[in-house]
Every structure is written in structure tokens, then in C-alpha cells.
Protein backbone atom coordinates (compact mmCIF):
# COMPACT_ATOMS: atom_id res chain seq x y z
CA MET A 1 -97.75 1.80 63.71
CA VAL A 2 -93.96 1.26 64.24
CA VAL A 3 -92.96 -2.20 63.93
CA MET A 4 -90.12 -2.57 66.23
CA GLY A 5 -87.51 -5.15 67.85
CA VAL A 6 -83.89 -6.16 67.47
CA ALA A 7 -82.18 -6.73 64.16
CA GLY A 8 -83.44 -10.03 62.57
CA CYS A 9 -86.88 -9.92 64.15
CA GLY A 10 -88.63 -9.25 60.79
CA LYS A 11 -89.62 -5.55 61.15
CA THR A 12 -89.22 -4.96 57.08
CA ALA A 13 -91.20 -7.92 56.16
CA VAL A 14 -93.92 -7.45 58.58
CA GLY A 15 -93.94 -3.70 58.10
CA GLU A 16 -94.42 -3.96 54.39
CA ALA A 17 -97.19 -6.49 54.59
CA LEU A 18 -99.04 -4.50 57.17
CA ALA A 19 -98.75 -1.38 55.18
CA LYS A 20 -99.85 -3.04 52.23
CA ALA A 21 -102.75 -4.59 54.27
CA LEU A 22 -103.67 -1.26 55.48
CA GLY A 23 -103.13 0.77 52.44
CA ALA A 24 -100.52 2.94 54.19
CA ASP A 25 -97.16 4.39 53.62
CA PHE A 26 -94.24 2.35 54.23
CA ILE A 27 -91.37 3.96 55.93
CA GLU A 28 -88.16 1.89 55.94
CA GLY A 29 -86.16 3.08 58.80
CA ASP A 30 -82.83 1.52 57.63
CA ARG A 31 -82.87 3.69 54.55
CA LEU A 32 -82.89 6.76 56.62
CA HIS A 33 -79.77 6.16 58.60
CA PRO A 34 -77.07 8.83 57.73
CA PRO A 35 -74.11 7.52 55.85
CA GLU A 36 -71.76 7.61 58.88
CA ASN A 37 -74.31 5.61 61.12
CA VAL A 38 -74.30 2.95 58.12
CA ALA A 39 -70.58 2.94 58.00
CA ARG A 40 -70.12 2.48 61.76
CA MET A 41 -72.58 -0.40 61.76
CA ALA A 42 -70.83 -2.11 58.98
CA ARG A 43 -67.59 -1.83 60.83
CA GLY A 44 -69.35 -3.63 63.70
CA GLU A 45 -69.70 -0.84 65.85
CA PRO A 46 -73.15 -0.13 67.76
CA LEU A 47 -74.75 3.10 67.59
CA THR A 48 -74.84 5.40 70.70
CA ASP A 49 -77.92 7.23 71.62
CA ALA A 50 -76.77 10.49 70.36
CA LEU A 51 -75.94 8.88 66.85
CA ARG A 52 -79.51 7.51 67.00
CA GLU A 53 -81.20 11.04 67.70
CA GLY A 54 -81.29 12.38 63.97
CA TRP A 55 -82.23 8.97 62.70
CA LEU A 56 -85.26 8.85 65.06
CA ASP A 57 -86.32 12.40 64.12
CA ALA A 58 -85.97 11.48 60.49
CA ILE A 59 -88.37 8.73 60.82
CA GLY A 60 -90.64 10.67 63.11
CA GLU A 61 -90.69 13.37 60.57
CA ARG A 62 -91.66 11.09 57.71
CA PHE A 63 -94.41 9.53 59.90
CA ALA A 64 -95.68 12.75 60.92
CA SER A 65 -95.85 14.01 57.40
CA SER A 66 -97.85 11.01 56.04
CA VAL A 67 -100.37 11.33 59.26
CA ALA A 68 -100.65 15.11 58.35
CA GLU A 69 -101.61 14.53 54.93
CA GLY A 70 -104.08 12.07 55.87
CA ARG A 71 -102.38 8.99 55.22
CA LYS A 72 -101.77 5.95 57.39
CA ALA A 73 -98.01 5.09 58.21
CA VAL A 74 -96.22 1.96 59.03
CA ALA A 75 -92.60 2.29 60.09
CA ALA A 76 -89.87 -0.31 60.59
CA CYS A 77 -87.52 0.91 63.32
CA SER A 78 -85.75 -0.90 65.79
CA ALA A 79 -87.13 1.69 68.57
CA LEU A 80 -85.00 -0.27 71.19
CA LYS A 81 -85.19 1.79 74.17
CA ARG A 82 -88.31 3.61 75.77
CA THR A 83 -86.60 6.74 75.17
CA TYR A 84 -86.58 6.36 71.38
CA ARG A 85 -89.98 5.36 71.45
CA ASP A 86 -90.78 8.38 73.35
CA ARG A 87 -89.08 10.51 70.93
CA LEU A 88 -90.83 8.93 67.98
CA SER A 89 -94.36 9.26 69.85
CA ARG A 90 -93.70 13.05 70.04
CA PHE A 91 -94.06 13.15 66.17
CA CYS A 92 -97.41 11.19 66.45
CA PRO A 93 -98.93 10.79 69.74
CA GLU A 94 -101.15 8.21 68.67
CA VAL A 95 -98.51 5.65 67.13
CA VAL A 96 -98.79 2.07 68.30
CA PHE A 97 -95.68 0.09 68.57
CA LEU A 98 -95.58 -3.55 67.30
CA TYR A 99 -92.67 -5.29 69.25
CA LEU A 100 -91.56 -8.42 67.41
CA LYS A 101 -90.16 -10.51 70.11
CA ILE A 102 -87.31 -12.83 69.17
CA ASP A 103 -84.61 -14.69 70.68
CA ARG A 104 -81.06 -14.21 70.11
CA GLU A 105 -80.13 -17.39 68.41
CA THR A 106 -82.85 -16.87 65.67
CA ALA A 107 -81.94 -13.16 65.36
CA TRP A 108 -78.31 -13.93 65.03
CA ARG A 109 -79.14 -16.66 62.29
CA ARG A 110 -81.20 -14.63 60.37
CA VAL A 111 -78.86 -11.58 60.38
CA ALA A 112 -75.91 -13.87 59.41
CA ASN A 113 -77.81 -15.16 56.59
CA ARG A 114 -79.02 -11.71 55.04
CA LYS A 115 -77.33 -10.69 52.10
CA GLY A 116 -76.49 -7.20 51.18
CA HIS A 117 -77.45 -5.45 54.50
CA PHE A 118 -74.88 -3.29 56.24
CA MET A 119 -75.38 -4.78 59.63
CA PRO A 120 -73.23 -7.86 60.52
CA ALA A 121 -74.43 -10.45 62.86
CA SER A 122 -71.70 -9.28 65.32
CA LEU A 123 -73.97 -6.75 66.37
CA VAL A 124 -77.05 -8.81 67.60
CA ASP A 125 -75.60 -9.14 71.15
CA SER A 126 -75.32 -5.11 71.26
CA GLN A 127 -79.16 -4.98 70.05
CA PHE A 128 -80.33 -7.39 72.89
CA SER A 129 -78.25 -5.49 75.41
CA THR A 130 -79.75 -2.13 74.37
CA LEU A 131 -83.53 -3.49 74.05
CA GLU A 132 -86.02 -2.36 76.66
CA GLU A 133 -89.16 -4.32 76.00
CA PRO A 134 -92.08 -2.17 76.04
CA ALA A 135 -93.74 -1.54 79.34
CA ALA A 136 -97.18 -1.97 80.36
CA ASP A 137 -97.97 1.62 80.06
CA GLU A 138 -96.68 1.93 76.48
CA ARG A 139 -98.99 1.91 73.50
CA ALA A 140 -97.66 -1.25 72.18
CA VAL A 141 -98.59 -4.75 71.18
CA THR A 142 -96.05 -7.88 71.37
CA ALA A 143 -96.15 -10.49 68.61
CA ASP A 144 -93.76 -13.71 68.37
CA GLY A 145 -91.31 -12.58 65.73
CA THR A 146 -90.54 -16.46 64.90
CA ARG A 147 -93.79 -16.58 63.32
CA SER A 148 -94.77 -16.27 59.79
CA VAL A 149 -95.67 -12.82 58.45
CA GLY A 150 -99.19 -14.05 57.86
CA ASP A 151 -99.70 -15.23 61.18
CA ILE A 152 -98.37 -12.28 62.74
CA LEU A 153 -100.66 -10.08 60.94
CA LYS A 154 -103.53 -12.50 61.77
CA GLU A 155 -102.62 -12.29 65.44
CA ILE A 156 -102.57 -8.43 65.53
CA ALA A 157 -105.72 -8.15 63.73
CA GLY A 158 -107.51 -10.46 66.07
């Protein structure tokens, strides 16, 4: 499963809890960004599609490696566009996306209050302008990202 959504929706918290509950490997997408991408975002510059390609491939390769070794995997990755999700799916066709839907104000507040993260709140609007919510024909489940981690896990388990 790939936990996806805009910055501040809870991808890491939900992804870590889900991986623990499933006994799965957890792949933190933010840690796989090349230094150039991190520096760009830290300066308040959004990433382009081209800059995201290598990052998406790194996540996909880690995901595929876990699955190939017989382990479950959960990744935290924004996967904002369908083309990004399609790219990740090429590495593992059975991947399911968990979209944590959240409103702009909550996302901005959460990102502004994060400590020690490279992404500034000024990029929240670019995340929403890039976002293409999963379509009905995608392997995706939507959950309310404003709920607690425990409630989200219960919601998707039911």
C-alpha cells in the first residue's frame, strides 16, 4: 500500500502505524528525495514532474524489492498525480493507494507547525494545485486525513 496525499495529510504517521499493524516494511518517501530536490523544496520551490521521476522510481524499486523478497510493504509518498501513481504501479501492479484527503487550511496548519522538516508551508498551495484525486478506476481507497491515525486504520480495516 502507498499512503498518499498532500503535505501534512499524515502519510508518515498513518504509514508507520499501518506497516506496524501489517508486519510490513515501511518506506518513507521523503528520505528518498535526492539532495537537490530537498534543497529546492526547502527554498520554497515546487518540484517539476521531471524532478519527481527519479524519486518515484527509488520508491518503486524499494517497494518492489520488499515484495520480491516475500515481505509486505507500505510507502509514504505524495503520489499527487495519476501519472505518478501509474509510475509506482509499474513496479508493483497490485499496489493499492490510500488517499488521505485533507483540506488546505488543515494541511497548511500542520505543515507550518512541523519541526525539522524541509518542506515549508508556502508549498501547500502547489501541492493542492498538483493534486489529482484518485479516479474510480484506480486501485485506491480514500480516508479522511483529519481523523486520528487509529480511526483511519479502523476505517480501512472495516
